[in-house]
């Protein structure tokens, strides 16, 4: 997969997409740091690249969920689906 973040769906043929990048860097003790380049606060590290990837995708999910805790406004709401894949 390509690390694509998909938001909502305007049509079956062409859902809108936002491209984000995972940056991997070797850090101390052989661990791999993974971060979302476009969201500096989404960073993690693990012993392997695969584990770092899983963890940074989970961190991205948690980061986005943090915005849902305090809904703004009283207007009519329509839920959208968000899929994170890499």
C-alpha atoms as a PDB file:
ATOM      1  CA  UNK A   1       0.000   0.000   0.000  1.00  0.00           C
ATOM      2  CA  UNK A   2       1.052   3.648  -0.283  1.00  0.00           C
ATOM      3  CA  UNK A   3       0.252   5.349   3.044  1.00  0.00           C
ATOM      4  CA  UNK A   4      -2.914   7.009   1.706  1.00  0.00           C
ATOM      5  CA  UNK A   5      -5.397   8.683   4.036  1.00  0.00           C
ATOM      6  CA  UNK A   6      -8.889   8.464   2.535  1.00  0.00           C
ATOM      7  CA  UNK A   7     -11.638  10.791   3.739  1.00  0.00           C
ATOM      8  CA  UNK A   8     -15.334  10.374   2.942  1.00  0.00           C
ATOM      9  CA  UNK A   9     -16.533   9.476  -0.524  1.00  0.00           C
ATOM     10  CA  UNK A  10     -17.895  11.875  -3.129  1.00  0.00           C
ATOM     11  CA  UNK A  11     -18.436   9.115  -5.662  1.00  0.00           C
ATOM     12  CA  UNK A  12     -17.849   5.411  -5.975  1.00  0.00           C
ATOM     13  CA  UNK A  13     -15.277   5.962  -8.731  1.00  0.00           C
ATOM     14  CA  UNK A  14     -13.200   8.765  -7.271  1.00  0.00           C
ATOM     15  CA  UNK A  15     -12.996   9.209  -3.494  1.00  0.00           C
ATOM     16  CA  UNK A  16     -11.119  12.318  -2.343  1.00  0.00           C
ATOM     17  CA  UNK A  17      -7.640  11.544  -1.054  1.00  0.00           C
ATOM     18  CA  UNK A  18      -5.033  13.251   1.077  1.00  0.00           C
ATOM     19  CA  UNK A  19      -1.494  11.983   0.666  1.00  0.00           C
ATOM     20  CA  UNK A  20       0.648  11.878   3.804  1.00  0.00           C
ATOM     21  CA  UNK A  21       4.202  10.564   4.188  1.00  0.00           C
ATOM     22  CA  UNK A  22       5.778   8.368   6.838  1.00  0.00           C
ATOM     23  CA  UNK A  23       9.420   9.293   7.422  1.00  0.00           C
ATOM     24  CA  UNK A  24      11.656   6.584   8.897  1.00  0.00           C
ATOM     25  CA  UNK A  25      14.930   7.342  10.693  1.00  0.00           C
ATOM     26  CA  UNK A  26      17.350   5.120  12.563  1.00  0.00           C
ATOM     27  CA  UNK A  27      17.811   6.256  16.162  1.00  0.00           C
ATOM     28  CA  UNK A  28      19.737   4.983  19.168  1.00  0.00           C
ATOM     29  CA  UNK A  29      20.027   1.271  19.974  1.00  0.00           C
ATOM     30  CA  UNK A  30      19.008   0.313  16.426  1.00  0.00           C
ATOM     31  CA  UNK A  31      15.409   1.462  16.848  1.00  0.00           C
ATOM     32  CA  UNK A  32      13.445   3.044  14.016  1.00  0.00           C
ATOM     33  CA  UNK A  33      11.601   6.320  14.476  1.00  0.00           C
ATOM     34  CA  UNK A  34       8.521   6.850  12.312  1.00  0.00           C
ATOM     35  CA  UNK A  35       6.735  10.158  11.931  1.00  0.00           C
ATOM     36  CA  UNK A  36       4.082  11.683   9.716  1.00  0.00           C
ATOM     37  CA  UNK A  37       5.953  14.415   7.815  1.00  0.00           C
ATOM     38  CA  UNK A  38       2.894  16.645   7.463  1.00  0.00           C
ATOM     39  CA  UNK A  39       1.885  16.321  11.148  1.00  0.00           C
ATOM     40  CA  UNK A  40       4.977  16.902  13.318  1.00  0.00           C
ATOM     41  CA  UNK A  41       3.221  15.783  16.505  1.00  0.00           C
ATOM     42  CA  UNK A  42       2.615  12.255  15.173  1.00  0.00           C
ATOM     43  CA  UNK A  43       5.892  10.479  15.982  1.00  0.00           C
ATOM     44  CA  UNK A  44       6.791   7.120  17.482  1.00  0.00           C
ATOM     45  CA  UNK A  45       9.633   4.603  17.625  1.00  0.00           C
ATOM     46  CA  UNK A  46       9.985   0.825  17.759  1.00  0.00           C
ATOM     47  CA  UNK A  47      12.638  -1.879  17.467  1.00  0.00           C
ATOM     48  CA  UNK A  48      11.741  -2.623  13.810  1.00  0.00           C
ATOM     49  CA  UNK A  49      10.510  -0.624  10.848  1.00  0.00           C
ATOM     50  CA  UNK A  50       7.348  -2.746  10.595  1.00  0.00           C
ATOM     51  CA  UNK A  51       6.496  -2.131  14.255  1.00  0.00           C
ATOM     52  CA  UNK A  52       7.264   1.584  13.868  1.00  0.00           C
ATOM     53  CA  UNK A  53       4.901   1.735  10.880  1.00  0.00           C
ATOM     54  CA  UNK A  54       2.087   0.044  12.797  1.00  0.00           C
ATOM     55  CA  UNK A  55       2.635   2.348  15.752  1.00  0.00           C
ATOM     56  CA  UNK A  56       2.735   5.585  13.721  1.00  0.00           C
ATOM     57  CA  UNK A  57      -0.502   4.633  11.938  1.00  0.00           C
ATOM     58  CA  UNK A  58      -2.086   4.012  15.341  1.00  0.00           C
ATOM     59  CA  UNK A  59      -0.697   7.347  16.570  1.00  0.00           C
ATOM     60  CA  UNK A  60      -2.253   9.053  13.537  1.00  0.00           C
ATOM     61  CA  UNK A  61      -5.598   7.443  14.326  1.00  0.00           C
ATOM     62  CA  UNK A  62      -5.400   8.578  17.954  1.00  0.00           C
ATOM     63  CA  UNK A  63      -4.348  12.091  16.877  1.00  0.00           C
ATOM     64  CA  UNK A  64      -7.391  12.389  14.617  1.00  0.00           C
ATOM     65  CA  UNK A  65      -9.709  10.935  17.269  1.00  0.00           C
ATOM     66  CA  UNK A  66      -8.528  13.624  19.703  1.00  0.00           C
ATOM     67  CA  UNK A  67     -10.461  16.172  17.637  1.00  0.00           C
ATOM     68  CA  UNK A  68     -13.766  14.343  18.112  1.00  0.00           C
ATOM     69  CA  UNK A  69     -13.895  14.715  21.899  1.00  0.00           C
ATOM     70  CA  UNK A  70     -15.363  18.221  21.947  1.00  0.00           C
ATOM     71  CA  UNK A  71     -17.858  18.693  19.091  1.00  0.00           C
ATOM     72  CA  UNK A  72     -18.112  22.319  17.961  1.00  0.00           C
ATOM     73  CA  UNK A  73     -21.408  23.984  17.182  1.00  0.00           C
ATOM     74  CA  UNK A  74     -24.975  22.763  17.313  1.00  0.00           C
ATOM     75  CA  UNK A  75     -25.649  22.375  13.582  1.00  0.00           C
ATOM     76  CA  UNK A  76     -26.857  19.289  11.810  1.00  0.00           C
ATOM     77  CA  UNK A  77     -24.203  16.595  11.625  1.00  0.00           C
ATOM     78  CA  UNK A  78     -23.469  14.042   8.938  1.00  0.00           C
ATOM     79  CA  UNK A  79     -20.960  11.316   9.740  1.00  0.00           C
ATOM     80  CA  UNK A  80     -18.171  10.500   7.301  1.00  0.00           C
ATOM     81  CA  UNK A  81     -15.928   7.443   7.183  1.00  0.00           C
ATOM     82  CA  UNK A  82     -12.171   7.763   7.393  1.00  0.00           C
ATOM     83  CA  UNK A  83      -9.876   4.924   6.369  1.00  0.00           C
ATOM     84  CA  UNK A  84      -6.156   4.960   7.094  1.00  0.00           C
ATOM     85  CA  UNK A  85      -4.124   2.556   5.020  1.00  0.00           C
ATOM     86  CA  UNK A  86      -0.498   2.117   4.144  1.00  0.00           C
END
